[in-house]
Amino acid sequence: MPPDLSGGEAAGEAMLGKRASSGCVRVHKSQIQTIHRAVTAADRGIVPVLDTRTGKPKYDQNGKIRYESGYKTIVIVEEY
């Protein structure tokens, strides 16, 4: 389900740094390109598939951790 966008940009800015959905965090529009460049500049490779709600690895039918191609980047957002 998409986020509630009522209230426009001012309402969105009041929610900066707060969780938007499972794994999404609101950031100010001035930071979007910086974050995008940092993630896409990282090495790509084989990474574990993580559950977006728990952060725990997902497993295949044989009980082994699933892997797929992706970015080897973790973005940590701290609330302050």
N, C-alpha and C. Protein backbone atom coordinates (compact mmCIF):
# COMPACT_ATOMS: atom_id res chain seq x y z
N MET A 1 0.85 -1.17 0.00
CA MET A 1 0.00 0.00 0.00
C MET A 1 0.89 1.24 0.00
N PRO A 2 0.63 2.20 -0.89
CA PRO A 2 1.45 3.41 -0.92
C PRO A 2 1.23 4.26 0.33
N PRO A 3 2.21 5.09 0.67
CA PRO A 3 2.05 5.94 1.85
C PRO A 3 0.96 6.98 1.65
N ASP A 4 0.43 7.47 2.74
CA ASP A 4 -0.57 8.52 2.68
C ASP A 4 0.14 9.82 2.33
N LEU A 5 -0.22 10.41 1.21
CA LEU A 5 0.45 11.62 0.75
C LEU A 5 -0.36 12.88 1.03
N SER A 6 -1.43 12.75 1.79
CA SER A 6 -2.23 13.93 2.10
C SER A 6 -1.39 14.89 2.95
N GLY A 7 -1.61 16.15 2.77
CA GLY A 7 -0.85 17.14 3.52
C GLY A 7 0.33 17.68 2.74
N GLY A 8 0.65 17.09 1.59
CA GLY A 8 1.70 17.59 0.72
C GLY A 8 3.11 17.47 1.28
N GLU A 9 4.00 18.26 0.69
CA GLU A 9 5.42 18.19 1.02
C GLU A 9 5.70 18.54 2.48
N ALA A 10 5.01 19.52 3.03
CA ALA A 10 5.25 19.92 4.43
C ALA A 10 4.95 18.77 5.37
N ALA A 11 3.88 18.02 5.12
CA ALA A 11 3.54 16.88 5.97
C ALA A 11 4.61 15.80 5.83
N GLY A 12 5.12 15.62 4.61
CA GLY A 12 6.18 14.63 4.39
C GLY A 12 7.45 15.01 5.11
N GLU A 13 7.82 16.28 5.09
CA GLU A 13 9.03 16.72 5.77
C GLU A 13 8.91 16.54 7.28
N ALA A 14 7.71 16.64 7.81
CA ALA A 14 7.52 16.43 9.26
C ALA A 14 7.79 14.98 9.64
N MET A 15 7.76 14.08 8.66
CA MET A 15 7.96 12.65 8.93
C MET A 15 9.38 12.18 8.60
N LEU A 16 10.28 13.08 8.25
CA LEU A 16 11.65 12.69 7.88
C LEU A 16 12.29 11.86 8.98
N GLY A 17 12.99 10.80 8.56
CA GLY A 17 13.68 9.93 9.51
C GLY A 17 12.80 8.86 10.12
N LYS A 18 11.53 8.90 9.83
CA LYS A 18 10.61 7.90 10.37
C LYS A 18 10.34 6.82 9.34
N ARG A 19 10.00 5.65 9.80
CA ARG A 19 9.74 4.52 8.94
C ARG A 19 8.57 4.83 8.00
N ALA A 20 8.75 4.52 6.72
CA ALA A 20 7.70 4.74 5.72
C ALA A 20 7.01 3.43 5.38
N SER A 21 7.73 2.33 5.40
CA SER A 21 7.19 1.00 5.13
C SER A 21 8.24 0.00 5.60
N SER A 22 8.08 -1.26 5.26
CA SER A 22 9.05 -2.25 5.71
C SER A 22 10.39 -2.05 5.02
N GLY A 23 11.29 -1.37 5.68
CA GLY A 23 12.62 -1.15 5.13
C GLY A 23 12.84 0.22 4.51
N CYS A 24 11.80 1.00 4.34
CA CYS A 24 11.93 2.33 3.75
C CYS A 24 11.98 3.38 4.84
N VAL A 25 12.82 4.38 4.63
CA VAL A 25 12.92 5.49 5.57
C VAL A 25 12.82 6.77 4.77
N ARG A 26 12.07 7.72 5.29
CA ARG A 26 11.94 9.01 4.62
C ARG A 26 13.22 9.82 4.80
N VAL A 27 13.70 10.40 3.72
CA VAL A 27 14.87 11.28 3.77
C VAL A 27 14.54 12.56 3.02
N HIS A 28 15.25 13.62 3.35
CA HIS A 28 15.03 14.89 2.68
C HIS A 28 15.46 14.76 1.22
N LYS A 29 14.73 15.43 0.34
CA LYS A 29 15.01 15.31 -1.09
C LYS A 29 16.43 15.76 -1.46
N SER A 30 17.05 16.59 -0.64
CA SER A 30 18.42 17.03 -0.93
C SER A 30 19.44 15.91 -0.70
N GLN A 31 19.05 14.85 -0.02
CA GLN A 31 19.97 13.74 0.27
C GLN A 31 19.82 12.55 -0.66
N ILE A 32 18.77 12.53 -1.46
CA ILE A 32 18.47 11.36 -2.28
C ILE A 32 19.60 11.02 -3.25
N GLN A 33 20.11 11.99 -3.98
CA GLN A 33 21.17 11.69 -4.96
C GLN A 33 22.45 11.24 -4.27
N THR A 34 22.78 11.80 -3.12
CA THR A 34 23.98 11.38 -2.38
C THR A 34 23.87 9.91 -1.98
N ILE A 35 22.73 9.54 -1.45
CA ILE A 35 22.52 8.15 -1.04
C ILE A 35 22.55 7.23 -2.26
N HIS A 36 21.90 7.62 -3.34
CA HIS A 36 21.87 6.80 -4.55
C HIS A 36 23.28 6.58 -5.10
N ARG A 37 24.08 7.65 -5.17
CA ARG A 37 25.46 7.51 -5.67
C ARG A 37 26.28 6.57 -4.78
N ALA A 38 26.12 6.68 -3.47
CA ALA A 38 26.89 5.83 -2.56
C ALA A 38 26.54 4.36 -2.74
N VAL A 39 25.26 4.07 -2.89
CA VAL A 39 24.82 2.67 -3.05
C VAL A 39 25.26 2.12 -4.40
N THR A 40 25.05 2.88 -5.47
CA THR A 40 25.39 2.35 -6.80
C THR A 40 26.89 2.30 -7.05
N ALA A 41 27.67 3.05 -6.28
CA ALA A 41 29.13 3.00 -6.43
C ALA A 41 29.73 1.78 -5.75
N ALA A 42 28.96 1.16 -4.88
CA ALA A 42 29.45 -0.02 -4.16
C ALA A 42 29.58 -1.20 -5.11
N ASP A 43 30.43 -2.12 -4.74
CA ASP A 43 30.59 -3.32 -5.55
C ASP A 43 29.29 -4.11 -5.59
N ARG A 44 29.02 -4.69 -6.76
CA ARG A 44 27.91 -5.62 -6.88
C ARG A 44 28.47 -7.02 -6.69
N GLY A 45 27.62 -7.91 -6.26
CA GLY A 45 28.05 -9.28 -6.07
C GLY A 45 26.91 -10.15 -5.58
N ILE A 46 27.24 -11.33 -5.14
CA ILE A 46 26.25 -12.26 -4.63
C ILE A 46 26.03 -11.95 -3.15
N VAL A 47 24.77 -11.68 -2.80
CA VAL A 47 24.43 -11.29 -1.43
C VAL A 47 23.27 -12.13 -0.92
N PRO A 48 23.17 -12.31 0.40
CA PRO A 48 22.04 -13.06 0.94
C PRO A 48 20.73 -12.30 0.74
N VAL A 49 19.66 -13.05 0.56
CA VAL A 49 18.32 -12.46 0.45
C VAL A 49 17.79 -12.32 1.87
N LEU A 50 17.40 -11.09 2.24
CA LEU A 50 16.93 -10.83 3.60
C LEU A 50 15.44 -10.54 3.60
N ASP A 51 14.77 -10.96 4.67
CA ASP A 51 13.37 -10.63 4.88
C ASP A 51 13.30 -9.15 5.22
N THR A 52 12.50 -8.38 4.49
CA THR A 52 12.47 -6.93 4.69
C THR A 52 11.82 -6.52 6.00
N ARG A 53 11.09 -7.40 6.62
CA ARG A 53 10.44 -7.06 7.90
C ARG A 53 11.33 -7.39 9.10
N THR A 54 12.09 -8.49 9.00
CA THR A 54 12.87 -8.93 10.15
C THR A 54 14.37 -8.71 9.99
N GLY A 55 14.84 -8.58 8.75
CA GLY A 55 16.27 -8.47 8.50
C GLY A 55 16.99 -9.80 8.54
N LYS A 56 16.25 -10.88 8.76
CA LYS A 56 16.85 -12.22 8.83
C LYS A 56 16.93 -12.82 7.43
N PRO A 57 17.91 -13.74 7.23
CA PRO A 57 18.06 -14.36 5.91
C PRO A 57 16.85 -15.22 5.55
N LYS A 58 16.58 -15.30 4.24
CA LYS A 58 15.56 -16.22 3.73
C LYS A 58 16.26 -17.51 3.31
N TYR A 59 15.54 -18.62 3.40
CA TYR A 59 16.11 -19.93 3.11
C TYR A 59 15.42 -20.58 1.92
N ASP A 60 16.17 -21.43 1.20
CA ASP A 60 15.59 -22.18 0.08
C ASP A 60 14.92 -23.45 0.60
N GLN A 61 14.40 -24.27 -0.30
CA GLN A 61 13.69 -25.48 0.08
C GLN A 61 14.58 -26.52 0.75
N ASN A 62 15.90 -26.36 0.64
CA ASN A 62 16.84 -27.28 1.27
C ASN A 62 17.36 -26.77 2.62
N GLY A 63 16.82 -25.62 3.05
CA GLY A 63 17.24 -25.06 4.34
C GLY A 63 18.53 -24.26 4.28
N LYS A 64 18.99 -23.93 3.07
CA LYS A 64 20.20 -23.13 2.91
C LYS A 64 19.82 -21.68 2.62
N ILE A 65 20.65 -20.76 3.07
CA ILE A 65 20.39 -19.33 2.84
C ILE A 65 20.35 -19.06 1.34
N ARG A 66 19.34 -18.30 0.91
CA ARG A 66 19.22 -17.92 -0.50
C ARG A 66 20.16 -16.75 -0.79
N TYR A 67 20.76 -16.77 -1.98
CA TYR A 67 21.64 -15.70 -2.43
C TYR A 67 21.20 -15.25 -3.81
N GLU A 68 21.46 -13.97 -4.13
CA GLU A 68 21.19 -13.44 -5.46
C GLU A 68 22.15 -12.29 -5.72
N SER A 69 22.21 -11.84 -6.96
CA SER A 69 23.06 -10.72 -7.33
C SER A 69 22.45 -9.43 -6.79
N GLY A 70 23.29 -8.56 -6.23
CA GLY A 70 22.80 -7.29 -5.71
C GLY A 70 23.96 -6.40 -5.30
N TYR A 71 23.62 -5.28 -4.66
CA TYR A 71 24.64 -4.36 -4.18
C TYR A 71 25.12 -4.80 -2.80
N LYS A 72 26.43 -4.73 -2.59
CA LYS A 72 27.01 -5.10 -1.29
C LYS A 72 27.07 -3.86 -0.41
N THR A 73 25.92 -3.28 -0.16
CA THR A 73 25.83 -2.05 0.61
C THR A 73 24.74 -2.17 1.65
N ILE A 74 25.04 -1.72 2.84
CA ILE A 74 24.02 -1.62 3.88
C ILE A 74 23.95 -0.16 4.29
N VAL A 75 22.78 0.40 4.27
CA VAL A 75 22.59 1.77 4.71
C VAL A 75 21.95 1.70 6.09
N ILE A 76 22.65 2.24 7.08
CA ILE A 76 22.15 2.22 8.45
C ILE A 76 21.58 3.61 8.76
N VAL A 77 20.34 3.62 9.18
CA VAL A 77 19.68 4.88 9.53
C VAL A 77 19.47 4.89 11.04
N GLU A 78 20.05 5.88 11.69
CA GLU A 78 19.88 6.01 13.13
C GLU A 78 18.91 7.14 13.41
N GLU A 79 18.01 6.90 14.35
CA GLU A 79 17.11 7.97 14.76
C GLU A 79 17.82 8.82 15.80
N TYR A 80 17.81 10.10 15.62
CA TYR A 80 18.43 11.01 16.58
C TYR A 80 17.66 12.28 16.66
